[in-house]
PDB file of N, CA and C in Angstrom:
ATOM      1  N   MET A   1       0.826  -1.181   0.000  1.00  0.00           N
ATOM      2  CA  MET A   1       0.000   0.000   0.000  1.00  0.00           C
ATOM      3  C   MET A   1       0.873   1.248   0.000  1.00  0.00           C
ATOM      4  N   ARG A   2       0.457   2.265  -0.714  1.00  0.00           N
ATOM      5  CA  ARG A   2       1.185   3.523  -0.759  1.00  0.00           C
ATOM      6  C   ARG A   2       0.873   4.348   0.487  1.00  0.00           C
ATOM      7  N   ALA A   3       1.814   5.196   0.848  1.00  0.00           N
ATOM      8  CA  ALA A   3       1.616   6.078   1.993  1.00  0.00           C
ATOM      9  C   ALA A   3       0.469   7.035   1.713  1.00  0.00           C
ATOM     10  N   GLY A   4      -0.312   7.314   2.734  1.00  0.00           N
ATOM     11  CA  GLY A   4      -1.393   8.269   2.579  1.00  0.00           C
ATOM     12  C   GLY A   4      -2.719   7.632   2.220  1.00  0.00           C
ATOM     13  N   HIS A   5      -2.722   6.352   1.893  1.00  0.00           N
ATOM     14  CA  HIS A   5      -3.967   5.662   1.582  1.00  0.00           C
ATOM     15  C   HIS A   5      -4.221   4.653   2.693  1.00  0.00           C
ATOM     16  N   GLY A   6      -5.412   4.705   3.263  1.00  0.00           N
ATOM     17  CA  GLY A   6      -5.726   3.828   4.364  1.00  0.00           C
ATOM     18  C   GLY A   6      -6.200   2.453   3.949  1.00  0.00           C
ATOM     19  N   PHE A   7      -6.361   2.216   2.661  1.00  0.00           N
ATOM     20  CA  PHE A   7      -6.858   0.923   2.210  1.00  0.00           C
ATOM     21  C   PHE A   7      -6.401   0.652   0.792  1.00  0.00           C
ATOM     22  N   ALA A   8      -6.461  -0.608   0.419  1.00  0.00           N
ATOM     23  CA  ALA A   8      -6.153  -1.002  -0.959  1.00  0.00           C
ATOM     24  C   ALA A   8      -7.450  -1.451  -1.617  1.00  0.00           C
ATOM     25  N   LEU A   9      -7.631  -1.089  -2.854  1.00  0.00           N
ATOM     26  CA  LEU A   9      -8.817  -1.493  -3.598  1.00  0.00           C
ATOM     27  C   LEU A   9      -8.614  -2.907  -4.127  1.00  0.00           C
ATOM     28  N   ALA A  10      -9.644  -3.734  -4.053  1.00  0.00           N
ATOM     29  CA  ALA A  10      -9.543  -5.070  -4.637  1.00  0.00           C
ATOM     30  C   ALA A  10      -9.638  -4.950  -6.154  1.00  0.00           C
ATOM     31  N   VAL A  11     -10.722  -4.405  -6.635  1.00  0.00           N
ATOM     32  CA  VAL A  11     -10.908  -4.159  -8.066  1.00  0.00           C
ATOM     33  C   VAL A  11     -11.301  -2.692  -8.202  1.00  0.00           C
ATOM     34  N   PRO A  12     -10.529  -1.909  -8.937  1.00  0.00           N
ATOM     35  CA  PRO A  12     -10.854  -0.487  -9.051  1.00  0.00           C
ATOM     36  C   PRO A  12     -12.198  -0.283  -9.752  1.00  0.00           C
ATOM     37  N   PRO A  13     -13.034   0.596  -9.213  1.00  0.00           N
ATOM     38  CA  PRO A  13     -14.309   0.866  -9.874  1.00  0.00           C
ATOM     39  C   PRO A  13     -14.091   1.564 -11.216  1.00  0.00           C
ATOM     40  N   PRO A  14     -14.982   1.323 -12.168  1.00  0.00           N
ATOM     41  CA  PRO A  14     -14.830   1.938 -13.495  1.00  0.00           C
ATOM     42  C   PRO A  14     -14.801   3.463 -13.442  1.00  0.00           C
ATOM     43  N   GLU A  15     -15.432   4.040 -12.423  1.00  0.00           N
ATOM     44  CA  GLU A  15     -15.445   5.500 -12.300  1.00  0.00           C
ATOM     45  C   GLU A  15     -14.042   6.063 -12.090  1.00  0.00           C
ATOM     46  N   LEU A  16     -13.175   5.315 -11.402  1.00  0.00           N
ATOM     47  CA  LEU A  16     -11.793   5.783 -11.228  1.00  0.00           C
ATOM     48  C   LEU A  16     -11.053   5.791 -12.557  1.00  0.00           C
ATOM     49  N   TRP A  17     -11.218   4.724 -13.344  1.00  0.00           N
ATOM     50  CA  TRP A  17     -10.577   4.677 -14.662  1.00  0.00           C
ATOM     51  C   TRP A  17     -11.103   5.807 -15.541  1.00  0.00           C
ATOM     52  N   ALA A  18     -12.420   6.018 -15.521  1.00  0.00           N
ATOM     53  CA  ALA A  18     -13.020   7.077 -16.340  1.00  0.00           C
ATOM     54  C   ALA A  18     -12.535   8.453 -15.889  1.00  0.00           C
ATOM     55  N   GLY A  19     -12.429   8.653 -14.579  1.00  0.00           N
ATOM     56  CA  GLY A  19     -11.944   9.928 -14.061  1.00  0.00           C
ATOM     57  C   GLY A  19     -10.507  10.200 -14.462  1.00  0.00           C
ATOM     58  N   ALA A  20      -9.667   9.171 -14.355  1.00  0.00           N
ATOM     59  CA  ALA A  20      -8.260   9.331 -14.749  1.00  0.00           C
ATOM     60  C   ALA A  20      -8.153   9.655 -16.231  1.00  0.00           C
ATOM     61  N   LEU A  21      -8.908   8.936 -17.064  1.00  0.00           N
ATOM     62  CA  LEU A  21      -8.869   9.185 -18.505  1.00  0.00           C
ATOM     63  C   LEU A  21      -9.358  10.589 -18.833  1.00  0.00           C
ATOM     64  N   SER A  22     -10.450  11.009 -18.218  1.00  0.00           N
ATOM     65  CA  SER A  22     -10.988  12.347 -18.463  1.00  0.00           C
ATOM     66  C   SER A  22      -9.966  13.426 -18.116  1.00  0.00           C
ATOM     67  N   LEU A  23      -9.337  13.305 -16.953  1.00  0.00           N
ATOM     68  CA  LEU A  23      -8.348  14.299 -16.533  1.00  0.00           C
ATOM     69  C   LEU A  23      -7.103  14.270 -17.414  1.00  0.00           C
ATOM     70  N   LEU A  24      -6.699  13.081 -17.854  1.00  0.00           N
ATOM     71  CA  LEU A  24      -5.563  12.977 -18.777  1.00  0.00           C
ATOM     72  C   LEU A  24      -5.865  13.686 -20.089  1.00  0.00           C
ATOM     73  N   LEU A  25      -7.081  13.505 -20.596  1.00  0.00           N
ATOM     74  CA  LEU A  25      -7.463  14.154 -21.854  1.00  0.00           C
ATOM     75  C   LEU A  25      -7.525  15.672 -21.700  1.00  0.00           C
ATOM     76  N   ILE A  26      -8.077  16.131 -20.584  1.00  0.00           N
ATOM     77  CA  ILE A  26      -8.133  17.577 -20.333  1.00  0.00           C
ATOM     78  C   ILE A  26      -6.721  18.145 -20.254  1.00  0.00           C
ATOM     79  N   HIS A  27      -5.851  17.463 -19.521  1.00  0.00           N
ATOM     80  CA  HIS A  27      -4.464  17.923 -19.403  1.00  0.00           C
ATOM     81  C   HIS A  27      -3.774  17.915 -20.766  1.00  0.00           C
ATOM     82  N   GLY A  28      -4.024  16.886 -21.554  1.00  0.00           N
ATOM     83  CA  GLY A  28      -3.407  16.795 -22.877  1.00  0.00           C
ATOM     84  C   GLY A  28      -3.842  17.910 -23.807  1.00  0.00           C
ATOM     85  N   GLU A  29      -5.108  18.314 -23.714  1.00  0.00           N
ATOM     86  CA  GLU A  29      -5.611  19.376 -24.588  1.00  0.00           C
ATOM     87  C   GLU A  29      -5.247  20.766 -24.098  1.00  0.00           C
ATOM     88  N   SER A  30      -5.287  20.965 -22.784  1.00  0.00           N
ATOM     89  CA  SER A  30      -5.139  22.323 -22.260  1.00  0.00           C
ATOM     90  C   SER A  30      -3.843  22.562 -21.495  1.00  0.00           C
ATOM     91  N   GLY A  31      -3.190  21.478 -21.073  1.00  0.00           N
ATOM     92  CA  GLY A  31      -1.998  21.637 -20.245  1.00  0.00           C
ATOM     93  C   GLY A  31      -2.321  22.023 -18.814  1.00  0.00           C
ATOM     94  N   CYS A  32      -3.578  21.889 -18.417  1.00  0.00           N
ATOM     95  CA  CYS A  32      -4.024  22.295 -17.083  1.00  0.00           C
ATOM     96  C   CYS A  32      -3.257  21.540 -15.993  1.00  0.00           C
ATOM     97  N   PRO A  33      -2.508  22.259 -15.143  1.00  0.00           N
ATOM     98  CA  PRO A  33      -1.725  21.590 -14.099  1.00  0.00           C
ATOM     99  C   PRO A  33      -2.601  20.931 -13.033  1.00  0.00           C
ATOM    100  N   HIS A  34      -3.805  21.479 -12.793  1.00  0.00           N
ATOM    101  CA  HIS A  34      -4.706  20.878 -11.808  1.00  0.00           C
ATOM    102  C   HIS A  34      -5.211  19.524 -12.302  1.00  0.00           C
ATOM    103  N   SER A  35      -5.499  19.433 -13.592  1.00  0.00           N
ATOM    104  CA  SER A  35      -5.916  18.154 -14.168  1.00  0.00           C
ATOM    105  C   SER A  35      -4.792  17.136 -14.064  1.00  0.00           C
ATOM    106  N   ALA A  36      -3.562  17.570 -14.306  1.00  0.00           N
ATOM    107  CA  ALA A  36      -2.411  16.666 -14.206  1.00  0.00           C
ATOM    108  C   ALA A  36      -2.265  16.144 -12.784  1.00  0.00           C
ATOM    109  N   LEU A  37      -2.357  17.032 -11.807  1.00  0.00           N
ATOM    110  CA  LEU A  37      -2.209  16.639 -10.407  1.00  0.00           C
ATOM    111  C   LEU A  37      -3.314  15.676  -9.989  1.00  0.00           C
ATOM    112  N   ASN A  38      -4.552  15.991 -10.359  1.00  0.00           N
ATOM    113  CA  ASN A  38      -5.667  15.123  -9.978  1.00  0.00           C
ATOM    114  C   ASN A  38      -5.615  13.784 -10.697  1.00  0.00           C
ATOM    115  N   ALA A  39      -5.192  13.775 -11.951  1.00  0.00           N
ATOM    116  CA  ALA A  39      -5.027  12.506 -12.669  1.00  0.00           C
ATOM    117  C   ALA A  39      -3.956  11.661 -11.985  1.00  0.00           C
ATOM    118  N   ALA A  40      -2.859  12.288 -11.573  1.00  0.00           N
ATOM    119  CA  ALA A  40      -1.786  11.560 -10.886  1.00  0.00           C
ATOM    120  C   ALA A  40      -2.292  10.952  -9.583  1.00  0.00           C
ATOM    121  N   ARG A  41      -3.106  11.693  -8.859  1.00  0.00           N
ATOM    122  CA  ARG A  41      -3.665  11.175  -7.601  1.00  0.00           C
ATOM    123  C   ARG A  41      -4.559   9.965  -7.845  1.00  0.00           C
ATOM    124  N   ILE A  42      -5.392  10.045  -8.886  1.00  0.00           N
ATOM    125  CA  ILE A  42      -6.261   8.907  -9.201  1.00  0.00           C
ATOM    126  C   ILE A  42      -5.425   7.716  -9.654  1.00  0.00           C
ATOM    127  N   LEU A  43      -4.417   7.956 -10.469  1.00  0.00           N
ATOM    128  CA  LEU A  43      -3.550   6.859 -10.913  1.00  0.00           C
ATOM    129  C   LEU A  43      -2.854   6.201  -9.724  1.00  0.00           C
ATOM    130  N   ASP A  44      -2.466   6.989  -8.734  1.00  0.00           N
ATOM    131  CA  ASP A  44      -1.870   6.424  -7.519  1.00  0.00           C
ATOM    132  C   ASP A  44      -2.862   5.514  -6.798  1.00  0.00           C
ATOM    133  N   ARG A  45      -4.120   5.931  -6.744  1.00  0.00           N
ATOM    134  CA  ARG A  45      -5.154   5.076  -6.132  1.00  0.00           C
ATOM    135  C   ARG A  45      -5.327   3.795  -6.918  1.00  0.00           C
ATOM    136  N   LEU A  46      -5.302   3.899  -8.247  1.00  0.00           N
ATOM    137  CA  LEU A  46      -5.446   2.706  -9.078  1.00  0.00           C
ATOM    138  C   LEU A  46      -4.282   1.744  -8.856  1.00  0.00           C
ATOM    139  N   CYS A  47      -3.094   2.284  -8.634  1.00  0.00           N
ATOM    140  CA  CYS A  47      -1.916   1.439  -8.377  1.00  0.00           C
ATOM    141  C   CYS A  47      -2.065   0.631  -7.095  1.00  0.00           C
ATOM    142  N   ASP A  48      -2.894   1.105  -6.182  1.00  0.00           N
ATOM    143  CA  ASP A  48      -3.118   0.404  -4.917  1.00  0.00           C
ATOM    144  C   ASP A  48      -4.022  -0.814  -5.065  1.00  0.00           C
ATOM    145  N   ALA A  49      -4.667  -0.964  -6.203  1.00  0.00           N
ATOM    146  CA  ALA A  49      -5.597  -2.078  -6.399  1.00  0.00           C
ATOM    147  C   ALA A  49      -4.846  -3.403  -6.346  1.00  0.00           C
ATOM    148  N   THR A  50      -5.339  -4.310  -5.546  1.00  0.00           N
ATOM    149  CA  THR A  50      -4.681  -5.609  -5.393  1.00  0.00           C
ATOM    150  C   THR A  50      -4.889  -6.504  -6.606  1.00  0.00           C
ATOM    151  N   ASP A  51      -5.913  -6.233  -7.395  1.00  0.00           N
ATOM    152  CA  ASP A  51      -6.247  -7.080  -8.541  1.00  0.00           C
ATOM    153  C   ASP A  51      -5.650  -6.566  -9.853  1.00  0.00           C
ATOM    154  N   LEU A  52      -4.784  -5.566  -9.781  1.00  0.00           N
ATOM    155  CA  LEU A  52      -4.198  -4.968 -10.982  1.00  0.00           C
ATOM    156  C   LEU A  52      -2.957  -5.753 -11.405  1.00  0.00           C
ATOM    157  N   ASP A  53      -2.833  -6.028 -12.706  1.00  0.00           N
ATOM    158  CA  ASP A  53      -1.652  -6.764 -13.165  1.00  0.00           C
ATOM    159  C   ASP A  53      -0.420  -5.856 -13.112  1.00  0.00           C
ATOM    160  N   ASP A  54       0.742  -6.477 -13.076  1.00  0.00           N
ATOM    161  CA  ASP A  54       2.000  -5.741 -12.897  1.00  0.00           C
ATOM    162  C   ASP A  54       2.271  -4.741 -14.014  1.00  0.00           C
ATOM    163  N   ALA A  55       1.968  -5.107 -15.259  1.00  0.00           N
ATOM    164  CA  ALA A  55       2.237  -4.213 -16.390  1.00  0.00           C
ATOM    165  C   ALA A  55       1.367  -2.960 -16.313  1.00  0.00           C
ATOM    166  N   THR A  56       0.090  -3.129 -15.960  1.00  0.00           N
ATOM    167  CA  THR A  56      -0.811  -1.974 -15.843  1.00  0.00           C
ATOM    168  C   THR A  56      -0.415  -1.108 -14.663  1.00  0.00           C
ATOM    169  N   ARG A  57      -0.032  -1.739 -13.556  1.00  0.00           N
ATOM    170  CA  ARG A  57       0.419  -0.981 -12.382  1.00  0.00           C
ATOM    171  C   ARG A  57       1.651  -0.143 -12.732  1.00  0.00           C
ATOM    172  N   ALA A  58       2.611  -0.739 -13.433  1.00  0.00           N
ATOM    173  CA  ALA A  58       3.824  -0.009 -13.822  1.00  0.00           C
ATOM    174  C   ALA A  58       3.482   1.143 -14.762  1.00  0.00           C
ATOM    175  N   LEU A  59       2.558   0.916 -15.688  1.00  0.00           N
ATOM    176  CA  LEU A  59       2.127   1.967 -16.616  1.00  0.00           C
ATOM    177  C   LEU A  59       1.488   3.129 -15.857  1.00  0.00           C
ATOM    178  N   CYS A  60       0.609   2.812 -14.911  1.00  0.00           N
ATOM    179  CA  CYS A  60      -0.038   3.854 -14.108  1.00  0.00           C
ATOM    180  C   CYS A  60       0.981   4.615 -13.265  1.00  0.00           C
ATOM    181  N   GLU A  61       1.960   3.906 -12.700  1.00  0.00           N
ATOM    182  CA  GLU A  61       2.991   4.570 -11.895  1.00  0.00           C
ATOM    183  C   GLU A  61       3.833   5.514 -12.740  1.00  0.00           C
ATOM    184  N   ARG A  62       4.222   5.073 -13.941  1.00  0.00           N
ATOM    185  CA  ARG A  62       5.021   5.947 -14.821  1.00  0.00           C
ATOM    186  C   ARG A  62       4.223   7.183 -15.219  1.00  0.00           C
ATOM    187  N   ALA A  63       2.959   6.991 -15.562  1.00  0.00           N
ATOM    188  CA  ALA A  63       2.121   8.131 -15.948  1.00  0.00           C
ATOM    189  C   ALA A  63       1.949   9.088 -14.776  1.00  0.00           C
ATOM    190  N   SER A  64       1.721   8.552 -13.588  1.00  0.00           N
ATOM    191  CA  SER A  64       1.574   9.394 -12.404  1.00  0.00           C
ATOM    192  C   SER A  64       2.841  10.205 -12.149  1.00  0.00           C
ATOM    193  N   ASN A  65       3.992   9.563 -12.279  1.00  0.00           N
ATOM    194  CA  ASN A  65       5.265  10.271 -12.075  1.00  0.00           C
ATOM    195  C   ASN A  65       5.443  11.390 -13.091  1.00  0.00           C
ATOM    196  N   ARG A  66       5.144  11.114 -14.359  1.00  0.00           N
ATOM    197  CA  ARG A  66       5.272  12.157 -15.396  1.00  0.00           C
ATOM    198  C   ARG A  66       4.329  13.319 -15.118  1.00  0.00           C
ATOM    199  N   LEU A  67       3.092  13.010 -14.750  1.00  0.00           N
ATOM    200  CA  LEU A  67       2.115  14.066 -14.480  1.00  0.00           C
ATOM    201  C   LEU A  67       2.511  14.878 -13.257  1.00  0.00           C
ATOM    202  N   SER A  68       3.031  14.223 -12.242  1.00  0.00           N
ATOM    203  CA  SER A  68       3.452  14.929 -11.027  1.00  0.00           C
ATOM    204  C   SER A  68       4.628  15.849 -11.306  1.00  0.00           C
ATOM    205  N   GLU A  69       5.553  15.407 -12.156  1.00  0.00           N
ATOM    206  CA  GLU A  69       6.707  16.238 -12.518  1.00  0.00           C
ATOM    207  C   GLU A  69       6.285  17.419 -13.373  1.00  0.00           C
ATOM    208  N   ALA A  70       5.258  17.250 -14.187  1.00  0.00           N
ATOM    209  CA  ALA A  70       4.836  18.290 -15.127  1.00  0.00           C
ATOM    210  C   ALA A  70       3.889  19.302 -14.507  1.00  0.00           C
ATOM    211  N   LYS A  71       3.433  19.075 -13.274  1.00  0.00           N
ATOM    212  CA  LYS A  71       2.391  19.946 -12.726  1.00  0.00           C
ATOM    213  C   LYS A  71       2.829  21.395 -12.567  1.00  0.00           C
ATOM    214  N   GLY A  72       4.136  21.653 -12.435  1.00  0.00           N
ATOM    215  CA  GLY A  72       4.600  23.021 -12.294  1.00  0.00           C
ATOM    216  C   GLY A  72       4.904  23.700 -13.612  1.00  0.00           C
ATOM    217  N   VAL A  73       4.778  22.965 -14.705  1.00  0.00           N
ATOM    218  CA  VAL A  73       5.087  23.514 -16.025  1.00  0.00           C
ATOM    219  C   VAL A  73       3.922  24.361 -16.510  1.00  0.00           C
ATOM    220  N   ALA A  74       4.225  25.461 -17.154  1.00  0.00           N
ATOM    221  CA  ALA A  74       3.174  26.333 -17.684  1.00  0.00           C
ATOM    222  C   ALA A  74       2.349  25.586 -18.721  1.00  0.00           C
ATOM    223  N   ALA A  75       1.079  25.898 -18.761  1.00  0.00           N
ATOM    224  CA  ALA A  75       0.173  25.244 -19.705  1.00  0.00           C
ATOM    225  C   ALA A  75       0.536  25.611 -21.131  1.00  0.00           C
ATOM    226  N   THR A  76       0.591  24.617 -21.975  1.00  0.00           N
ATOM    227  CA  THR A  76       0.822  24.822 -23.402  1.00  0.00           C
ATOM    228  C   THR A  76      -0.242  24.065 -24.165  1.00  0.00           C
ATOM    229  N   PRO A  77      -1.275  24.758 -24.637  1.00  0.00           N
ATOM    230  CA  PRO A  77      -2.343  24.075 -25.351  1.00  0.00           C
ATOM    231  C   PRO A  77      -1.803  23.312 -26.555  1.00  0.00           C
ATOM    232  N   GLN A  78      -2.290  22.106 -26.736  1.00  0.00           N
ATOM    233  CA  GLN A  78      -1.858  21.242 -27.817  1.00  0.00           C
ATOM    234  C   GLN A  78      -2.664  21.480 -29.091  1.00  0.00           C
ATOM    235  N   PHE A  79      -3.870  21.965 -28.939  1.00  0.00           N
ATOM    236  CA  PHE A  79      -4.762  22.117 -30.082  1.00  0.00           C
ATOM    237  C   PHE A  79      -5.034  23.593 -30.329  1.00  0.00           C
ATOM    238  N   ARG A  80      -5.021  23.978 -31.577  1.00  0.00           N
ATOM    239  CA  ARG A  80      -5.278  25.373 -31.937  1.00  0.00           C
ATOM    240  C   ARG A  80      -6.484  25.450 -32.841  1.00  0.00           C
ATOM    241  N   SER A  81      -7.168  26.546 -32.749  1.00  0.00           N
ATOM    242  CA  SER A  81      -8.329  26.771 -33.605  1.00  0.00           C
ATOM    243  C   SER A  81      -7.887  26.895 -35.052  1.00  0.00           C
ATOM    244  N   GLN A  82      -8.672  26.352 -35.961  1.00  0.00           N
ATOM    245  CA  GLN A  82      -8.345  26.443 -37.377  1.00  0.00           C
ATOM    246  C   GLN A  82      -8.676  27.818 -37.939  1.00  0.00           C
ATOM    247  N   GLU A  83      -9.363  28.638 -37.139  1.00  0.00           N
ATOM    248  CA  GLU A  83      -9.738  29.975 -37.585  1.00  0.00           C
ATOM    249  C   GLU A  83      -8.572  30.946 -37.538  1.00  0.00           C
ATOM    250  N   SER A  84      -7.485  30.640 -36.814  1.00  0.00           N
ATOM    251  CA  SER A  84      -6.378  31.587 -36.681  1.00  0.00           C
ATOM    252  C   SER A  84      -5.569  31.712 -37.929  1.00  0.00           C
TER     253      SER A  84
END
């Protein structure tokens, strides 16, 4: 179990996966540091799941680390309007 979490999830609820994906997409489009931080927190919770395979756990940990490192970086939108 990771520090700061009082329990481990047996099987992560689909809402956690959906929340992490939503925040990742928002961060990817807007560079929002709050979305990155919250996505990293959810990914950390997902890593605590006892029923998660090792490859998925490692993937979630790497993504969480990248998002946590990037949270202080200024937002750089990835998508631009075609009207410009």
